[in-house]
Structures are given as structure tokens and as C-alpha cells.
């Protein structure tokens, strides 16, 4: 059994859903050492999240952002955590709904995800800044 782990930093992005699969794979060449295993991607933030979804048509990412903004609107009078801006509390809610990690299979040194699947960084703040990810992979 082999185990690899590293932390990477993704550059600052605007609010929305961003395809980051290639960045993650490029930063983690250790994946090539695994014939069969798993990789976990974990985000160390409470106002951004990760998910796996459509990697071909960018309109999916636009629609996800629009839907999340309808589902979790800003400026609700019942929010008490408001001192970091109107986008902050909704960002925390969205991050909890979407999740902070994803677990993916690794086969023959590559992520074994569907041809139309990609890893999204879901940036829920207007100006969230750079984001840290912990990448862990294990297997044989």
C-alpha cells in the first residue's frame, strides 16, 4: 500500500463554479504511482466547496451558480453572521450543502471519472481569495 498527501493552493477566482481537474492532477504526479486506489480532495475553507459534475458545457457551471443563489439568497433578515459582508453567510450555507471533500477512484495512474465529469471549485464569495486543498491518494 502506498500513501501520498500534499497541500496545494489554487489561485483566487471569481464567484462561481470553476473546473479545476487539470490543476489538481498536474499538481499531484504521485497519482501515476497507483495502479488501483482512491484520491480524496479536501478544501480547507468554510465559504467554498468542491463537487464533481459536467466538464464539457460551461453553461452547467453558470446554471449551478444561478440555482445556488436562488436556493440560498443574500441579505436575509434572519442572518446574524453579517459582519463579513452580505455574501459570507450564504457562502457558509452553500459550502455546507455542497461539501468540503470528494473521493475519487484511481485506476492505472489516472482518475477514473466519467468522460464528462470534472472537479469543480465552488467559490461562494465575491472575493474569496486563494484556496488551499489537501490532496490524499492511496492504493497499490
Protein backbone atom coordinates (compact mmCIF):
# COMPACT_ATOMS: atom_id res chain seq x y z
CA UNK A 1 0.00 0.00 0.00
CA UNK A 2 1.24 3.47 -0.89
CA UNK A 3 0.01 6.73 0.60
CA UNK A 4 0.64 10.25 -0.70
CA UNK A 5 -0.51 13.59 0.60
CA UNK A 6 0.18 17.19 -0.27
CA UNK A 7 -1.34 20.61 0.07
CA UNK A 8 -1.77 22.86 -2.95
CA UNK A 9 -3.04 26.39 -3.36
CA UNK A 10 -5.41 27.39 -6.13
CA UNK A 11 -5.34 30.98 -7.33
CA UNK A 12 -8.11 33.42 -6.49
CA UNK A 13 -11.23 33.06 -8.60
CA UNK A 14 -14.43 34.99 -9.03
CA UNK A 15 -17.65 33.75 -7.52
CA UNK A 16 -18.95 30.72 -9.40
CA UNK A 17 -18.16 27.13 -10.29
CA UNK A 18 -14.68 26.55 -11.73
CA UNK A 19 -13.32 23.41 -13.37
CA UNK A 20 -10.01 22.58 -11.62
CA UNK A 21 -9.41 18.92 -12.51
CA UNK A 22 -6.34 19.58 -14.65
CA UNK A 23 -4.74 21.81 -11.98
CA UNK A 24 -5.20 19.15 -9.34
CA UNK A 25 -3.88 16.30 -11.48
CA UNK A 26 -0.87 18.39 -12.62
CA UNK A 27 0.00 19.21 -9.01
CA UNK A 28 -0.19 15.57 -7.91
CA UNK A 29 2.04 13.44 -10.17
CA UNK A 30 2.13 10.79 -7.43
CA UNK A 31 -1.19 9.53 -8.83
CA UNK A 32 0.80 7.84 -11.60
CA UNK A 33 2.32 5.56 -8.94
CA UNK A 34 -1.04 3.93 -8.17
CA UNK A 35 -2.47 1.08 -10.21
CA UNK A 36 -5.64 0.90 -8.13
CA UNK A 37 -6.66 3.23 -5.33
CA UNK A 38 -8.51 6.31 -4.19
CA UNK A 39 -7.90 10.04 -4.08
CA UNK A 40 -9.55 12.47 -1.70
CA UNK A 41 -9.63 16.20 -2.39
CA UNK A 42 -10.41 18.33 0.67
CA UNK A 43 -10.83 22.12 0.77
CA UNK A 44 -9.61 23.93 3.91
CA UNK A 45 -12.22 26.70 3.79
CA UNK A 46 -15.76 27.28 5.03
CA UNK A 47 -17.01 29.55 2.25
CA UNK A 48 -16.04 27.45 -0.78
CA UNK A 49 -16.71 23.83 -1.65
CA UNK A 50 -15.98 21.00 -4.07
CA UNK A 51 -18.15 18.87 -6.30
CA UNK A 52 -17.93 16.62 -9.34
CA UNK A 53 -20.04 17.48 -12.35
CA UNK A 54 -20.18 18.26 -16.10
CA UNK A 55 -16.78 19.13 -17.60
CA UNK A 56 -17.75 19.95 -21.20
CA UNK A 57 -20.53 22.52 -21.31
CA UNK A 58 -19.74 25.68 -19.28
CA UNK A 59 -23.44 26.57 -19.12
CA UNK A 60 -23.82 23.88 -16.45
CA UNK A 61 -21.50 25.85 -14.17
CA UNK A 62 -23.46 29.06 -14.85
CA UNK A 63 -26.76 27.33 -14.08
CA UNK A 64 -25.41 25.79 -10.87
CA UNK A 65 -24.31 29.23 -9.66
CA UNK A 66 -27.69 30.76 -10.51
CA UNK A 67 -29.57 27.96 -8.80
CA UNK A 68 -27.47 28.13 -5.64
CA UNK A 69 -28.10 31.88 -5.47
CA UNK A 70 -31.85 31.24 -5.68
CA UNK A 71 -31.65 28.44 -3.11
CA UNK A 72 -29.52 30.46 -0.66
CA UNK A 73 -30.13 34.18 -1.21
CA UNK A 74 -28.12 37.03 0.30
CA UNK A 75 -29.41 39.73 2.67
CA UNK A 76 -31.90 37.65 4.59
CA UNK A 77 -33.11 39.41 7.73
CA UNK A 78 -32.72 36.23 9.78
CA UNK A 79 -28.91 36.03 9.17
CA UNK A 80 -26.98 37.07 12.28
CA UNK A 81 -23.48 36.38 10.87
CA UNK A 82 -23.30 39.51 8.70
CA UNK A 83 -20.12 41.41 9.64
CA UNK A 84 -18.05 39.87 6.81
CA UNK A 85 -20.39 41.02 4.04
CA UNK A 86 -23.68 40.02 2.51
CA UNK A 87 -22.15 37.10 0.60
CA UNK A 88 -20.47 35.48 3.63
CA UNK A 89 -23.29 33.69 5.47
CA UNK A 90 -24.81 32.40 2.21
CA UNK A 91 -21.31 31.16 1.29
CA UNK A 92 -21.12 29.15 4.52
CA UNK A 93 -24.54 27.61 3.87
CA UNK A 94 -23.66 26.77 0.25
CA UNK A 95 -20.36 25.21 1.33
CA UNK A 96 -22.17 23.02 3.85
CA UNK A 97 -24.71 21.96 1.24
CA UNK A 98 -22.09 21.19 -1.44
CA UNK A 99 -19.44 19.63 0.80
CA UNK A 100 -15.78 20.06 1.64
CA UNK A 101 -14.35 16.91 0.03
CA UNK A 102 -14.76 14.45 -2.79
CA UNK A 103 -13.47 10.89 -3.05
CA UNK A 104 -12.47 9.58 -6.47
CA UNK A 105 -11.20 6.24 -7.77
CA UNK A 106 -7.72 5.97 -9.27
CA UNK A 107 -7.04 3.31 -11.91
CA UNK A 108 -3.76 2.79 -13.76
CA UNK A 109 -2.37 6.10 -12.52
CA UNK A 110 -5.33 8.25 -13.53
CA UNK A 111 -8.54 9.49 -12.01
CA UNK A 112 -11.22 7.01 -13.03
CA UNK A 113 -14.02 9.51 -13.50
CA UNK A 114 -16.54 9.69 -16.33
CA UNK A 115 -15.58 11.25 -19.63
CA UNK A 116 -17.95 14.15 -18.95
CA UNK A 117 -17.02 14.63 -15.28
CA UNK A 118 -14.69 17.19 -13.73
CA UNK A 119 -13.79 18.55 -10.32
CA UNK A 120 -15.29 21.95 -9.54
CA UNK A 121 -14.04 24.52 -7.09
CA UNK A 122 -17.28 26.16 -5.99
CA UNK A 123 -16.37 29.71 -4.99
CA UNK A 124 -19.23 31.12 -2.97
CA UNK A 125 -17.72 34.52 -2.09
CA UNK A 126 -17.47 37.53 -4.39
CA UNK A 127 -13.78 37.83 -3.47
CA UNK A 128 -12.82 34.59 -1.74
CA UNK A 129 -9.09 34.71 -2.37
CA UNK A 130 -6.82 31.77 -2.99
CA UNK A 131 -7.99 28.37 -1.77
CA UNK A 132 -5.99 25.57 -0.14
CA UNK A 133 -6.67 21.94 -0.99
CA UNK A 134 -5.30 18.83 0.70
CA UNK A 135 -4.82 16.00 -1.78
CA UNK A 136 -4.53 12.47 -0.42
CA UNK A 137 -4.13 9.34 -2.51
CA UNK A 138 -3.64 5.73 -1.51
CA UNK A 139 -3.61 2.34 -3.11
CA UNK A 140 -1.39 -0.25 -4.75
